C-alpha atoms as a PDB file:
ATOM      1  CA  UNK A   1       0.000   0.000   0.000  1.00  0.00           C
ATOM      2  CA  UNK A   2       2.386   2.666  -1.189  1.00  0.00           C
ATOM      3  CA  UNK A   3       0.071   4.663  -3.426  1.00  0.00           C
ATOM      4  CA  UNK A   4       0.197   8.424  -2.587  1.00  0.00           C
ATOM      5  CA  UNK A   5      -3.534   8.532  -1.726  1.00  0.00           C
ATOM      6  CA  UNK A   6      -3.161   5.732   0.787  1.00  0.00           C
ATOM      7  CA  UNK A   7      -0.039   7.280   2.296  1.00  0.00           C
ATOM      8  CA  UNK A   8      -1.747  10.662   2.713  1.00  0.00           C
ATOM      9  CA  UNK A   9      -4.627   9.023   4.527  1.00  0.00           C
ATOM     10  CA  UNK A  10      -2.285   6.951   6.699  1.00  0.00           C
ATOM     11  CA  UNK A  11      -0.244  10.042   7.628  1.00  0.00           C
ATOM     12  CA  UNK A  12      -3.403  11.683   8.935  1.00  0.00           C
ATOM     13  CA  UNK A  13      -3.983   8.875  11.467  1.00  0.00           C
ATOM     14  CA  UNK A  14      -2.327  10.892  14.235  1.00  0.00           C
ATOM     15  CA  UNK A  15      -3.497  14.252  12.894  1.00  0.00           C
ATOM     16  CA  UNK A  16      -6.164  16.593  14.087  1.00  0.00           C
ATOM     17  CA  UNK A  17      -9.842  16.074  13.453  1.00  0.00           C
ATOM     18  CA  UNK A  18      -9.991  18.202  10.318  1.00  0.00           C
ATOM     19  CA  UNK A  19      -6.900  16.563   8.828  1.00  0.00           C
ATOM     20  CA  UNK A  20      -8.380  13.102   9.440  1.00  0.00           C
ATOM     21  CA  UNK A  21     -11.753  14.051   7.919  1.00  0.00           C
ATOM     22  CA  UNK A  22     -10.196  15.685   4.854  1.00  0.00           C
ATOM     23  CA  UNK A  23      -7.732  12.835   4.251  1.00  0.00           C
ATOM     24  CA  UNK A  24     -10.457  10.206   4.685  1.00  0.00           C
ATOM     25  CA  UNK A  25     -12.730  11.932   2.181  1.00  0.00           C
ATOM     26  CA  UNK A  26      -9.865  12.478  -0.264  1.00  0.00           C
ATOM     27  CA  UNK A  27      -8.956   8.794  -0.049  1.00  0.00           C
ATOM     28  CA  UNK A  28     -12.513   7.761  -0.941  1.00  0.00           C
ATOM     29  CA  UNK A  29     -12.570  10.307  -3.776  1.00  0.00           C
ATOM     30  CA  UNK A  30      -9.311   8.887  -5.140  1.00  0.00           C
ATOM     31  CA  UNK A  31     -10.627   5.332  -4.934  1.00  0.00           C
ATOM     32  CA  UNK A  32     -13.739   6.340  -6.873  1.00  0.00           C
ATOM     33  CA  UNK A  33     -11.639   8.091  -9.494  1.00  0.00           C
ATOM     34  CA  UNK A  34      -9.319   5.088  -9.783  1.00  0.00           C
ATOM     35  CA  UNK A  35     -12.261   2.717 -10.317  1.00  0.00           C
ATOM     36  CA  UNK A  36     -13.189   4.655 -13.475  1.00  0.00           C
ATOM     37  CA  UNK A  37      -9.683   5.289 -14.806  1.00  0.00           C
ATOM     38  CA  UNK A  38      -8.685   3.312 -17.856  1.00  0.00           C
ATOM     39  CA  UNK A  39     -12.184   2.187 -18.768  1.00  0.00           C
ATOM     40  CA  UNK A  40     -13.693   2.779 -22.176  1.00  0.00           C
ATOM     41  CA  UNK A  41     -16.998   4.658 -22.345  1.00  0.00           C
ATOM     42  CA  UNK A  42     -18.726   1.359 -23.060  1.00  0.00           C
ATOM     43  CA  UNK A  43     -17.162  -0.340 -20.033  1.00  0.00           C
ATOM     44  CA  UNK A  44     -17.907   2.611 -17.737  1.00  0.00           C
ATOM     45  CA  UNK A  45     -21.541   2.693 -18.849  1.00  0.00           C
ATOM     46  CA  UNK A  46     -22.108  -1.060 -18.640  1.00  0.00           C
ATOM     47  CA  UNK A  47     -24.854  -1.981 -16.209  1.00  0.00           C
ATOM     48  CA  UNK A  48     -24.589  -5.266 -14.332  1.00  0.00           C
ATOM     49  CA  UNK A  49     -27.586  -4.677 -12.068  1.00  0.00           C
ATOM     50  CA  UNK A  50     -31.291  -4.033 -12.717  1.00  0.00           C
ATOM     51  CA  UNK A  51     -30.910  -0.360 -11.763  1.00  0.00           C
ATOM     52  CA  UNK A  52     -29.123   2.210 -13.924  1.00  0.00           C
ATOM     53  CA  UNK A  53     -26.030   2.012 -11.687  1.00  0.00           C
ATOM     54  CA  UNK A  54     -22.826   2.225 -13.716  1.00  0.00           C
ATOM     55  CA  UNK A  55     -19.321   3.428 -12.918  1.00  0.00           C
ATOM     56  CA  UNK A  56     -19.872   6.447 -15.194  1.00  0.00           C
ATOM     57  CA  UNK A  57     -23.186   7.178 -13.481  1.00  0.00           C
ATOM     58  CA  UNK A  58     -21.613   6.907 -10.033  1.00  0.00           C
ATOM     59  CA  UNK A  59     -18.936   9.433 -11.027  1.00  0.00           C
ATOM     60  CA  UNK A  60     -21.528  11.849 -12.350  1.00  0.00           C
ATOM     61  CA  UNK A  61     -23.727  11.406  -9.280  1.00  0.00           C
ATOM     62  CA  UNK A  62     -20.840  12.039  -6.889  1.00  0.00           C
ATOM     63  CA  UNK A  63     -19.814  15.215  -8.760  1.00  0.00           C
ATOM     64  CA  UNK A  64     -23.380  16.494  -8.340  1.00  0.00           C
ATOM     65  CA  UNK A  65     -23.468  15.475  -4.659  1.00  0.00           C
ATOM     66  CA  UNK A  66     -20.188  17.369  -4.051  1.00  0.00           C
ATOM     67  CA  UNK A  67     -21.834  20.442  -5.570  1.00  0.00           C
ATOM     68  CA  UNK A  68     -24.999  20.068  -3.512  1.00  0.00           C
ATOM     69  CA  UNK A  69     -23.321  19.658  -0.124  1.00  0.00           C
ATOM     70  CA  UNK A  70     -20.397  22.046  -0.442  1.00  0.00           C
ATOM     71  CA  UNK A  71     -21.511  24.718  -2.896  1.00  0.00           C
ATOM     72  CA  UNK A  72     -25.270  24.824  -2.443  1.00  0.00           C
ATOM     73  CA  UNK A  73     -25.595  23.936   1.237  1.00  0.00           C
ATOM     74  CA  UNK A  74     -22.309  24.897   2.920  1.00  0.00           C
ATOM     75  CA  UNK A  75     -21.575  28.002   0.826  1.00  0.00           C
ATOM     76  CA  UNK A  76     -25.297  28.825   0.562  1.00  0.00           C
ATOM     77  CA  UNK A  77     -25.178  29.283  -3.219  1.00  0.00           C
ATOM     78  CA  UNK A  78     -28.618  27.908  -3.990  1.00  0.00           C
ATOM     79  CA  UNK A  79     -29.642  26.517  -7.330  1.00  0.00           C
ATOM     80  CA  UNK A  80     -32.369  24.055  -8.247  1.00  0.00           C
ATOM     81  CA  UNK A  81     -31.743  20.570  -6.923  1.00  0.00           C
ATOM     82  CA  UNK A  82     -31.572  17.956  -9.671  1.00  0.00           C
ATOM     83  CA  UNK A  83     -33.992  15.075  -9.938  1.00  0.00           C
ATOM     84  CA  UNK A  84     -32.245  12.365  -7.873  1.00  0.00           C
ATOM     85  CA  UNK A  85     -32.734   9.722 -10.581  1.00  0.00           C
ATOM     86  CA  UNK A  86     -31.225  12.013 -13.222  1.00  0.00           C
ATOM     87  CA  UNK A  87     -27.966  12.394 -11.292  1.00  0.00           C
ATOM     88  CA  UNK A  88     -26.888   8.933 -12.502  1.00  0.00           C
ATOM     89  CA  UNK A  89     -27.824   9.565 -16.152  1.00  0.00           C
ATOM     90  CA  UNK A  90     -24.840   9.725 -18.493  1.00  0.00           C
ATOM     91  CA  UNK A  91     -25.132  10.757 -22.120  1.00  0.00           C
ATOM     92  CA  UNK A  92     -23.535   8.642 -24.834  1.00  0.00           C
ATOM     93  CA  UNK A  93     -21.326  11.613 -25.751  1.00  0.00           C
ATOM     94  CA  UNK A  94     -19.832  11.913 -22.237  1.00  0.00           C
ATOM     95  CA  UNK A  95     -16.387  10.310 -22.074  1.00  0.00           C
ATOM     96  CA  UNK A  96     -14.848   8.730 -18.998  1.00  0.00           C
ATOM     97  CA  UNK A  97     -12.110  11.359 -19.117  1.00  0.00           C
ATOM     98  CA  UNK A  98     -14.700  14.168 -19.109  1.00  0.00           C
ATOM     99  CA  UNK A  99     -16.573  12.586 -16.204  1.00  0.00           C
ATOM    100  CA  UNK A 100     -13.356  12.190 -14.210  1.00  0.00           C
ATOM    101  CA  UNK A 101     -12.376  15.802 -14.996  1.00  0.00           C
ATOM    102  CA  UNK A 102     -15.809  17.033 -13.885  1.00  0.00           C
ATOM    103  CA  UNK A 103     -15.536  15.002 -10.681  1.00  0.00           C
ATOM    104  CA  UNK A 104     -12.022  16.305 -10.019  1.00  0.00           C
ATOM    105  CA  UNK A 105     -13.232  19.876 -10.575  1.00  0.00           C
ATOM    106  CA  UNK A 106     -16.183  19.364  -8.213  1.00  0.00           C
ATOM    107  CA  UNK A 107     -13.880  17.912  -5.528  1.00  0.00           C
ATOM    108  CA  UNK A 108     -11.400  20.782  -5.929  1.00  0.00           C
ATOM    109  CA  UNK A 109     -14.236  23.302  -5.601  1.00  0.00           C
ATOM    110  CA  UNK A 110     -15.506  21.474  -2.489  1.00  0.00           C
ATOM    111  CA  UNK A 111     -12.037  21.644  -0.900  1.00  0.00           C
ATOM    112  CA  UNK A 112     -11.800  25.357  -1.716  1.00  0.00           C
ATOM    113  CA  UNK A 113     -15.201  26.095  -0.168  1.00  0.00           C
ATOM    114  CA  UNK A 114     -14.656  23.936   2.930  1.00  0.00           C
ATOM    115  CA  UNK A 115     -11.320  25.637   3.646  1.00  0.00           C
ATOM    116  CA  UNK A 116     -13.230  28.873   4.359  1.00  0.00           C
ATOM    117  CA  UNK A 117     -15.194  27.408   7.275  1.00  0.00           C
ATOM    118  CA  UNK A 118     -14.551  25.939  10.711  1.00  0.00           C
ATOM    119  CA  UNK A 119     -15.794  22.421  11.445  1.00  0.00           C
ATOM    120  CA  UNK A 120     -18.445  23.824  13.795  1.00  0.00           C
ATOM    121  CA  UNK A 121     -19.857  26.184  11.154  1.00  0.00           C
ATOM    122  CA  UNK A 122     -23.625  25.603  10.889  1.00  0.00           C
ATOM    123  CA  UNK A 123     -25.843  26.022   7.859  1.00  0.00           C
ATOM    124  CA  UNK A 124     -29.540  25.331   7.311  1.00  0.00           C
ATOM    125  CA  UNK A 125     -30.565  22.120   5.583  1.00  0.00           C
ATOM    126  CA  UNK A 126     -34.185  21.454   4.639  1.00  0.00           C
ATOM    127  CA  UNK A 127     -34.588  17.950   6.100  1.00  0.00           C
ATOM    128  CA  UNK A 128     -32.126  18.135   8.996  1.00  0.00           C
ATOM    129  CA  UNK A 129     -32.522  21.696  10.244  1.00  0.00           C
ATOM    130  CA  UNK A 130     -28.883  22.660  10.815  1.00  0.00           C
ATOM    131  CA  UNK A 131     -25.755  20.808   9.738  1.00  0.00           C
ATOM    132  CA  UNK A 132     -22.116  21.527  10.504  1.00  0.00           C
ATOM    133  CA  UNK A 133     -19.166  21.252   8.172  1.00  0.00           C
ATOM    134  CA  UNK A 134     -18.066  18.356  10.415  1.00  0.00           C
ATOM    135  CA  UNK A 135     -21.336  16.560   9.638  1.00  0.00           C
ATOM    136  CA  UNK A 136     -20.997  17.309   5.913  1.00  0.00           C
ATOM    137  CA  UNK A 137     -17.513  15.750   5.913  1.00  0.00           C
ATOM    138  CA  UNK A 138     -18.790  12.647   7.726  1.00  0.00           C
ATOM    139  CA  UNK A 139     -21.748  12.368   5.357  1.00  0.00           C
ATOM    140  CA  UNK A 140     -19.572  12.793   2.261  1.00  0.00           C
ATOM    141  CA  UNK A 141     -17.115  10.149   3.501  1.00  0.00           C
ATOM    142  CA  UNK A 142     -20.053   7.743   3.909  1.00  0.00           C
ATOM    143  CA  UNK A 143     -21.654   8.676   0.579  1.00  0.00           C
ATOM    144  CA  UNK A 144     -18.417   8.461  -1.390  1.00  0.00           C
ATOM    145  CA  UNK A 145     -17.265   5.228   0.281  1.00  0.00           C
ATOM    146  CA  UNK A 146     -20.633   3.572  -0.362  1.00  0.00           C
ATOM    147  CA  UNK A 147     -20.491   4.431  -4.055  1.00  0.00           C
ATOM    148  CA  UNK A 148     -16.793   3.532  -4.300  1.00  0.00           C
ATOM    149  CA  UNK A 149     -17.826   0.097  -3.013  1.00  0.00           C
ATOM    150  CA  UNK A 150     -20.444  -0.129  -5.738  1.00  0.00           C
ATOM    151  CA  UNK A 151     -17.805   0.895  -8.286  1.00  0.00           C
ATOM    152  CA  UNK A 152     -15.403  -1.715  -6.896  1.00  0.00           C
ATOM    153  CA  UNK A 153     -17.922  -4.469  -7.588  1.00  0.00           C
ATOM    154  CA  UNK A 154     -18.758  -3.095 -11.043  1.00  0.00           C
ATOM    155  CA  UNK A 155     -15.052  -2.814 -11.905  1.00  0.00           C
ATOM    156  CA  UNK A 156     -14.443  -6.402 -10.765  1.00  0.00           C
ATOM    157  CA  UNK A 157     -17.275  -7.551 -13.030  1.00  0.00           C
ATOM    158  CA  UNK A 158     -15.818  -5.482 -15.885  1.00  0.00           C
ATOM    159  CA  UNK A 159     -12.173  -6.571 -15.846  1.00  0.00           C
ATOM    160  CA  UNK A 160     -11.386  -8.325 -12.587  1.00  0.00           C
ATOM    161  CA  UNK A 161      -9.678  -5.317 -10.917  1.00  0.00           C
ATOM    162  CA  UNK A 162     -10.402  -5.225  -7.185  1.00  0.00           C
ATOM    163  CA  UNK A 163      -9.378  -3.561  -3.978  1.00  0.00           C
ATOM    164  CA  UNK A 164      -8.092  -0.239  -2.788  1.00  0.00           C
ATOM    165  CA  UNK A 165      -5.589   0.212  -5.587  1.00  0.00           C
ATOM    166  CA  UNK A 166      -7.282  -1.772  -8.360  1.00  0.00           C
END
């Protein structure tokens, strides 16, 4: 386990709370990105389950979720929320490289926004009342890890690649 993403996360093990949260989320983001890397558009859009879940769709969904939680909710830059089912929809013209670039851009924007706030910073959220940046980090770690797990299974079914680095 010598990949830079894994090392960054491991180095945070004795760090402060924010460092641990940021490194944990970045590790899950990197895993998700790695699950899509090297796939053709056809492979990334292949569905192995009855739902529309694909690696490409997971990438697109997570880019939208980054935007919702960090830009719209934390930074209070409201815009219409997308139809949840549409967040997984990928057009035939969207390449894996474009989806990865969009995800990377969304993650970079999330990091930039989060850096402006303390962990205890509270913002309104329609269903939950108030949420802190700390809660948003914990939620995004859970959300990203869950979908990275889905992508891990889909990638294994695609070409046999498994695990943290595969």
